[in-house]
């Protein structure tokens, strides 16, 4: 999992200056009324980090976990990410994901085959969930920063 953790860290460090180059006003613009702004996408990625930290640690604690999904549109709307400070969102997102990379880097290999169902879907292994998390992150970062050449082999098959 060292490779996954390192890839996540490299992604974070690569996009950080690009995120900081976006001003608060531009980050608040919604491309369409029902589409997320850059702030809302980053807010969703904060929610994803929060949810996935719970998945990772719970899956390390027991061989199988039944986990609830989450209503991502509701979470984004009710947390009013579009009214938050862009810089504060970036700082929180970056720090939380550094912690996620730390968890991935230090996971006990004996836990990687532990499983989870999410809203009754799947039997996903911890190793897959961790690798897929990094791809999910890239997928959404490409929506915020479409012109920086961020590659992703997005394979997400569950609600982040």
C-alpha atoms as a PDB file:
ATOM      1  CA  UNK A   1       0.000   0.000   0.000  1.00  0.00           C
ATOM      2  CA  UNK A   2       3.072   2.196   0.115  1.00  0.00           C
ATOM      3  CA  UNK A   3       2.684   2.876  -3.606  1.00  0.00           C
ATOM      4  CA  UNK A   4      -0.944   3.962  -3.144  1.00  0.00           C
ATOM      5  CA  UNK A   5      -0.019   6.256  -0.245  1.00  0.00           C
ATOM      6  CA  UNK A   6       2.872   7.759  -2.192  1.00  0.00           C
ATOM      7  CA  UNK A   7       0.695   8.283  -5.267  1.00  0.00           C
ATOM      8  CA  UNK A   8      -1.899  10.053  -3.128  1.00  0.00           C
ATOM      9  CA  UNK A   9       0.757  12.315  -1.592  1.00  0.00           C
ATOM     10  CA  UNK A  10       2.181  13.130  -5.023  1.00  0.00           C
ATOM     11  CA  UNK A  11      -1.301  14.038  -6.268  1.00  0.00           C
ATOM     12  CA  UNK A  12      -1.885  16.301  -3.259  1.00  0.00           C
ATOM     13  CA  UNK A  13       1.417  18.094  -3.674  1.00  0.00           C
ATOM     14  CA  UNK A  14       0.977  18.422  -7.438  1.00  0.00           C
ATOM     15  CA  UNK A  15      -2.471  20.034  -7.304  1.00  0.00           C
ATOM     16  CA  UNK A  16      -2.000  22.199  -4.208  1.00  0.00           C
ATOM     17  CA  UNK A  17      -0.429  25.217  -5.977  1.00  0.00           C
ATOM     18  CA  UNK A  18      -3.019  24.935  -8.757  1.00  0.00           C
ATOM     19  CA  UNK A  19      -5.846  25.048  -6.206  1.00  0.00           C
ATOM     20  CA  UNK A  20      -4.258  28.070  -4.508  1.00  0.00           C
ATOM     21  CA  UNK A  21      -4.105  29.833  -7.884  1.00  0.00           C
ATOM     22  CA  UNK A  22      -7.927  29.857  -8.063  1.00  0.00           C
ATOM     23  CA  UNK A  23      -9.461  32.873  -6.359  1.00  0.00           C
ATOM     24  CA  UNK A  24     -12.365  32.593  -3.930  1.00  0.00           C
ATOM     25  CA  UNK A  25     -14.860  34.199  -6.315  1.00  0.00           C
ATOM     26  CA  UNK A  26     -14.018  31.889  -9.199  1.00  0.00           C
ATOM     27  CA  UNK A  27     -14.155  28.862  -6.880  1.00  0.00           C
ATOM     28  CA  UNK A  28     -17.747  29.831  -5.984  1.00  0.00           C
ATOM     29  CA  UNK A  29     -19.085  29.892  -9.555  1.00  0.00           C
ATOM     30  CA  UNK A  30     -21.599  27.171 -10.330  1.00  0.00           C
ATOM     31  CA  UNK A  31     -21.349  26.197 -14.021  1.00  0.00           C
ATOM     32  CA  UNK A  32     -25.070  25.317 -14.000  1.00  0.00           C
ATOM     33  CA  UNK A  33     -27.684  25.695 -11.248  1.00  0.00           C
ATOM     34  CA  UNK A  34     -27.593  22.001 -10.338  1.00  0.00           C
ATOM     35  CA  UNK A  35     -23.839  21.501 -10.815  1.00  0.00           C
ATOM     36  CA  UNK A  36     -21.304  21.897  -8.048  1.00  0.00           C
ATOM     37  CA  UNK A  37     -18.898  24.816  -7.907  1.00  0.00           C
ATOM     38  CA  UNK A  38     -15.189  24.175  -7.342  1.00  0.00           C
ATOM     39  CA  UNK A  39     -15.771  24.846  -3.632  1.00  0.00           C
ATOM     40  CA  UNK A  40     -18.566  22.300  -3.546  1.00  0.00           C
ATOM     41  CA  UNK A  41     -16.463  19.696  -5.348  1.00  0.00           C
ATOM     42  CA  UNK A  42     -13.639  20.203  -2.866  1.00  0.00           C
ATOM     43  CA  UNK A  43     -16.197  20.045  -0.053  1.00  0.00           C
ATOM     44  CA  UNK A  44     -17.379  16.728  -1.446  1.00  0.00           C
ATOM     45  CA  UNK A  45     -13.764  15.539  -1.382  1.00  0.00           C
ATOM     46  CA  UNK A  46     -13.551  16.539   2.290  1.00  0.00           C
ATOM     47  CA  UNK A  47     -16.715  14.513   2.932  1.00  0.00           C
ATOM     48  CA  UNK A  48     -15.194  11.632   0.995  1.00  0.00           C
ATOM     49  CA  UNK A  49     -12.048  11.754   3.137  1.00  0.00           C
ATOM     50  CA  UNK A  50     -14.188  11.762   6.285  1.00  0.00           C
ATOM     51  CA  UNK A  51     -16.309   8.824   5.140  1.00  0.00           C
ATOM     52  CA  UNK A  52     -13.350   6.837   3.874  1.00  0.00           C
ATOM     53  CA  UNK A  53     -11.339   7.335   7.047  1.00  0.00           C
ATOM     54  CA  UNK A  54     -14.259   5.740   8.877  1.00  0.00           C
ATOM     55  CA  UNK A  55     -14.354   2.869   6.384  1.00  0.00           C
ATOM     56  CA  UNK A  56     -10.619   2.253   6.568  1.00  0.00           C
ATOM     57  CA  UNK A  57     -10.352   2.203  10.346  1.00  0.00           C
ATOM     58  CA  UNK A  58     -13.554   0.217  10.874  1.00  0.00           C
ATOM     59  CA  UNK A  59     -12.411  -2.345   8.286  1.00  0.00           C
ATOM     60  CA  UNK A  60      -9.085  -2.676  10.092  1.00  0.00           C
ATOM     61  CA  UNK A  61     -10.955  -3.344  13.343  1.00  0.00           C
ATOM     62  CA  UNK A  62     -13.076  -6.249  12.112  1.00  0.00           C
ATOM     63  CA  UNK A  63     -13.222  -8.737   9.244  1.00  0.00           C
ATOM     64  CA  UNK A  64     -16.497  -7.378   7.779  1.00  0.00           C
ATOM     65  CA  UNK A  65     -18.330  -4.065   8.033  1.00  0.00           C
ATOM     66  CA  UNK A  66     -21.797  -3.085   6.846  1.00  0.00           C
ATOM     67  CA  UNK A  67     -21.524   0.640   6.133  1.00  0.00           C
ATOM     68  CA  UNK A  68     -24.148   3.213   5.263  1.00  0.00           C
ATOM     69  CA  UNK A  69     -23.796   5.299   2.143  1.00  0.00           C
ATOM     70  CA  UNK A  70     -24.299   9.013   2.243  1.00  0.00           C
ATOM     71  CA  UNK A  71     -26.406  11.491   0.336  1.00  0.00           C
ATOM     72  CA  UNK A  72     -23.596  13.483  -1.212  1.00  0.00           C
ATOM     73  CA  UNK A  73     -25.766  16.264  -2.642  1.00  0.00           C
ATOM     74  CA  UNK A  74     -27.442  16.788   0.734  1.00  0.00           C
ATOM     75  CA  UNK A  75     -24.087  16.848   2.529  1.00  0.00           C
ATOM     76  CA  UNK A  76     -22.667  19.430   0.123  1.00  0.00           C
ATOM     77  CA  UNK A  77     -25.775  21.600   0.232  1.00  0.00           C
ATOM     78  CA  UNK A  78     -26.274  21.549   3.988  1.00  0.00           C
ATOM     79  CA  UNK A  79     -22.652  22.283   4.789  1.00  0.00           C
ATOM     80  CA  UNK A  80     -22.827  25.400   2.592  1.00  0.00           C
ATOM     81  CA  UNK A  81     -19.413  24.822   1.084  1.00  0.00           C
ATOM     82  CA  UNK A  82     -20.035  27.536  -1.485  1.00  0.00           C
ATOM     83  CA  UNK A  83     -20.116  30.123   1.297  1.00  0.00           C
ATOM     84  CA  UNK A  84     -16.913  28.813   2.942  1.00  0.00           C
ATOM     85  CA  UNK A  85     -13.447  30.250   2.511  1.00  0.00           C
ATOM     86  CA  UNK A  86     -11.663  28.653  -0.468  1.00  0.00           C
ATOM     87  CA  UNK A  87      -8.325  28.790   1.362  1.00  0.00           C
ATOM     88  CA  UNK A  88      -9.765  27.103   4.453  1.00  0.00           C
ATOM     89  CA  UNK A  89     -11.357  24.392   2.317  1.00  0.00           C
ATOM     90  CA  UNK A  90      -8.022  23.767   0.580  1.00  0.00           C
ATOM     91  CA  UNK A  91      -6.162  23.604   3.907  1.00  0.00           C
ATOM     92  CA  UNK A  92      -8.677  21.175   5.441  1.00  0.00           C
ATOM     93  CA  UNK A  93      -8.780  18.999   2.316  1.00  0.00           C
ATOM     94  CA  UNK A  94      -4.985  18.854   2.092  1.00  0.00           C
ATOM     95  CA  UNK A  95      -4.433  18.047   5.784  1.00  0.00           C
ATOM     96  CA  UNK A  96      -7.181  15.420   5.878  1.00  0.00           C
ATOM     97  CA  UNK A  97      -5.788  13.696   2.806  1.00  0.00           C
ATOM     98  CA  UNK A  98      -2.261  13.715   4.216  1.00  0.00           C
ATOM     99  CA  UNK A  99      -3.749  11.802   7.155  1.00  0.00           C
ATOM    100  CA  UNK A 100      -5.532   9.401   4.783  1.00  0.00           C
ATOM    101  CA  UNK A 101      -2.188   8.758   3.041  1.00  0.00           C
ATOM    102  CA  UNK A 102      -0.645   8.114   6.464  1.00  0.00           C
ATOM    103  CA  UNK A 103      -3.343   5.538   7.266  1.00  0.00           C
ATOM    104  CA  UNK A 104      -2.868   3.809   3.917  1.00  0.00           C
ATOM    105  CA  UNK A 105       0.924   3.752   4.337  1.00  0.00           C
ATOM    106  CA  UNK A 106       0.668   2.135   7.762  1.00  0.00           C
ATOM    107  CA  UNK A 107      -2.163  -0.349   7.238  1.00  0.00           C
ATOM    108  CA  UNK A 108      -1.415  -3.839   8.512  1.00  0.00           C
ATOM    109  CA  UNK A 109      -1.316  -6.082   5.410  1.00  0.00           C
ATOM    110  CA  UNK A 110      -3.321  -8.695   7.328  1.00  0.00           C
ATOM    111  CA  UNK A 111      -6.345  -6.378   7.111  1.00  0.00           C
ATOM    112  CA  UNK A 112      -6.321  -5.780   3.343  1.00  0.00           C
ATOM    113  CA  UNK A 113      -8.744  -8.635   2.636  1.00  0.00           C
ATOM    114  CA  UNK A 114     -11.290  -7.462   5.229  1.00  0.00           C
ATOM    115  CA  UNK A 115     -14.574  -6.635   3.512  1.00  0.00           C
ATOM    116  CA  UNK A 116     -17.281  -4.027   3.498  1.00  0.00           C
ATOM    117  CA  UNK A 117     -20.741  -3.652   2.023  1.00  0.00           C
ATOM    118  CA  UNK A 118     -21.952  -0.104   1.421  1.00  0.00           C
ATOM    119  CA  UNK A 119     -25.717   0.373   1.438  1.00  0.00           C
ATOM    120  CA  UNK A 120     -25.977  -3.374   0.887  1.00  0.00           C
ATOM    121  CA  UNK A 121     -23.788  -3.232  -2.243  1.00  0.00           C
ATOM    122  CA  UNK A 122     -20.668  -5.218  -2.845  1.00  0.00           C
ATOM    123  CA  UNK A 123     -18.177  -7.086  -0.929  1.00  0.00           C
ATOM    124  CA  UNK A 124     -15.290  -4.703  -1.333  1.00  0.00           C
ATOM    125  CA  UNK A 125     -11.896  -5.470   0.166  1.00  0.00           C
ATOM    126  CA  UNK A 126     -10.002  -2.873   2.164  1.00  0.00           C
ATOM    127  CA  UNK A 127      -7.092  -2.927  -0.284  1.00  0.00           C
ATOM    128  CA  UNK A 128      -9.464  -2.106  -3.143  1.00  0.00           C
ATOM    129  CA  UNK A 129     -11.235   0.632  -1.189  1.00  0.00           C
ATOM    130  CA  UNK A 130      -7.919   2.306  -0.373  1.00  0.00           C
ATOM    131  CA  UNK A 131      -6.657   2.202  -3.953  1.00  0.00           C
ATOM    132  CA  UNK A 132      -9.998   3.334  -5.327  1.00  0.00           C
ATOM    133  CA  UNK A 133     -10.092   6.282  -2.935  1.00  0.00           C
ATOM    134  CA  UNK A 134      -7.029   7.810  -4.590  1.00  0.00           C
ATOM    135  CA  UNK A 135      -8.645   7.402  -8.013  1.00  0.00           C
ATOM    136  CA  UNK A 136     -11.928   8.940  -6.833  1.00  0.00           C
ATOM    137  CA  UNK A 137      -9.969  11.945  -5.617  1.00  0.00           C
ATOM    138  CA  UNK A 138      -8.252  12.369  -9.007  1.00  0.00           C
ATOM    139  CA  UNK A 139     -11.581  12.091 -10.817  1.00  0.00           C
ATOM    140  CA  UNK A 140     -13.006  15.065  -8.937  1.00  0.00           C
ATOM    141  CA  UNK A 141      -9.794  17.068  -9.034  1.00  0.00           C
ATOM    142  CA  UNK A 142      -9.921  16.800 -12.824  1.00  0.00           C
ATOM    143  CA  UNK A 143     -13.298  18.562 -12.686  1.00  0.00           C
ATOM    144  CA  UNK A 144     -11.760  21.413 -10.656  1.00  0.00           C
ATOM    145  CA  UNK A 145      -8.510  21.537 -12.650  1.00  0.00           C
ATOM    146  CA  UNK A 146      -9.287  20.177 -16.122  1.00  0.00           C
ATOM    147  CA  UNK A 147      -6.195  21.597 -17.814  1.00  0.00           C
ATOM    148  CA  UNK A 148      -3.345  20.339 -15.629  1.00  0.00           C
ATOM    149  CA  UNK A 149      -3.007  16.824 -17.070  1.00  0.00           C
ATOM    150  CA  UNK A 150      -3.973  14.893 -13.956  1.00  0.00           C
ATOM    151  CA  UNK A 151      -4.280  11.265 -14.996  1.00  0.00           C
ATOM    152  CA  UNK A 152      -6.796   8.915 -13.462  1.00  0.00           C
ATOM    153  CA  UNK A 153      -7.869   5.370 -14.088  1.00  0.00           C
ATOM    154  CA  UNK A 154     -11.065   6.043 -12.180  1.00  0.00           C
ATOM    155  CA  UNK A 155     -12.614   2.774 -11.033  1.00  0.00           C
ATOM    156  CA  UNK A 156     -14.941   3.970  -8.291  1.00  0.00           C
ATOM    157  CA  UNK A 157     -17.922   1.671  -8.008  1.00  0.00           C
ATOM    158  CA  UNK A 158     -19.402   2.771  -4.705  1.00  0.00           C
ATOM    159  CA  UNK A 159     -20.573   5.995  -3.104  1.00  0.00           C
ATOM    160  CA  UNK A 160     -17.473   7.762  -1.910  1.00  0.00           C
END
